[in-house]
Amino acid sequence: LVVDLADGRVLEAVLSLPEKYRDAVYLHYYEGYSAREIAALLGEKPATVFTRLDRGRQKLRTYLEQEELT
């Protein structure tokens, strides 16, 4: 799945994610933080952030495929 992060609809989809996924995905893809940096910022274990990024991407993929933004 390849998406244009500058597309406002993609950002809208990211912001509609549940908070725990939204924070990780937004910080990684829009702010450029690594998973380890996000873990430090959020007070989480790096493994937790990796999992949230993976699940957040899965949720985004499903949403974007339904919206035909791919």
Protein backbone atom coordinates (compact mmCIF):
# COMPACT_ATOMS: atom_id res chain seq x y z
CA LEU A 1 0.00 0.00 0.00
CA VAL A 2 1.53 3.29 -1.10
CA VAL A 3 -0.10 6.53 -0.01
CA ASP A 4 0.72 10.21 -0.29
CA LEU A 5 1.18 11.52 3.25
CA ALA A 6 0.49 15.03 1.99
CA ASP A 7 -3.03 13.94 0.98
CA GLY A 8 -5.39 15.54 3.50
CA ARG A 9 -7.61 12.45 3.43
CA VAL A 10 -4.70 10.32 4.63
CA LEU A 11 -3.99 12.70 7.50
CA GLU A 12 -7.69 12.66 8.34
CA ALA A 13 -7.57 8.86 8.44
CA VAL A 14 -4.49 8.94 10.70
CA LEU A 15 -6.17 11.39 13.06
CA SER A 16 -9.26 9.19 13.24
CA LEU A 17 -7.27 6.24 14.63
CA PRO A 18 -7.66 5.37 18.31
CA GLU A 19 -5.26 7.51 20.35
CA LYS A 20 -2.68 4.81 21.10
CA TYR A 21 -2.24 4.09 17.39
CA ARG A 22 -2.70 7.68 16.22
CA ASP A 23 0.11 9.02 18.40
CA ALA A 24 2.61 6.41 17.24
CA VAL A 25 1.69 6.65 13.55
CA TYR A 26 1.60 10.45 13.50
CA LEU A 27 4.89 10.86 15.34
CA HIS A 28 6.61 8.32 13.10
CA TYR A 29 5.31 9.31 9.66
CA TYR A 30 4.60 13.02 10.06
CA GLU A 31 7.18 14.10 12.64
CA GLY A 32 9.94 11.67 11.67
CA TYR A 33 10.57 10.08 15.06
CA SER A 34 11.96 6.56 15.28
CA ALA A 35 10.04 3.92 17.21
CA ARG A 36 12.62 4.09 19.99
CA GLU A 37 12.27 7.88 20.21
CA ILE A 38 8.48 7.56 20.32
CA ALA A 39 8.79 5.02 23.12
CA ALA A 40 10.84 7.50 25.14
CA LEU A 41 8.40 10.34 24.43
CA LEU A 42 5.35 8.28 25.40
CA GLY A 43 6.94 6.39 28.29
CA GLU A 44 6.35 3.04 26.58
CA LYS A 45 8.57 0.10 25.72
CA PRO A 46 9.95 0.12 22.17
CA ALA A 47 8.22 -3.23 21.52
CA THR A 48 4.89 -1.61 22.41
CA VAL A 49 5.49 1.19 19.92
CA PHE A 50 6.48 -1.28 17.19
CA THR A 51 3.23 -3.17 17.82
CA ARG A 52 1.16 0.03 17.76
CA LEU A 53 2.77 1.13 14.51
CA ASP A 54 2.03 -2.25 12.95
CA ARG A 55 -1.59 -2.32 14.12
CA GLY A 56 -2.07 1.33 13.21
CA ARG A 57 -0.83 0.64 9.68
CA GLN A 58 -3.21 -2.31 9.43
CA LYS A 59 -6.15 -0.14 10.49
CA LEU A 60 -5.12 2.59 8.03
CA ARG A 61 -4.77 0.09 5.20
CA THR A 62 -8.28 -1.22 5.82
CA TYR A 63 -9.73 2.28 6.00
CA LEU A 64 -7.91 3.56 2.93
CA GLU A 65 -8.80 0.49 0.87
CA GLN A 66 -12.45 1.02 1.78
CA GLU A 67 -12.15 4.67 0.76
CA GLU A 68 -10.29 3.71 -2.44
CA LEU A 69 -7.41 6.07 -1.71
CA THR A 70 -4.78 3.52 -2.67
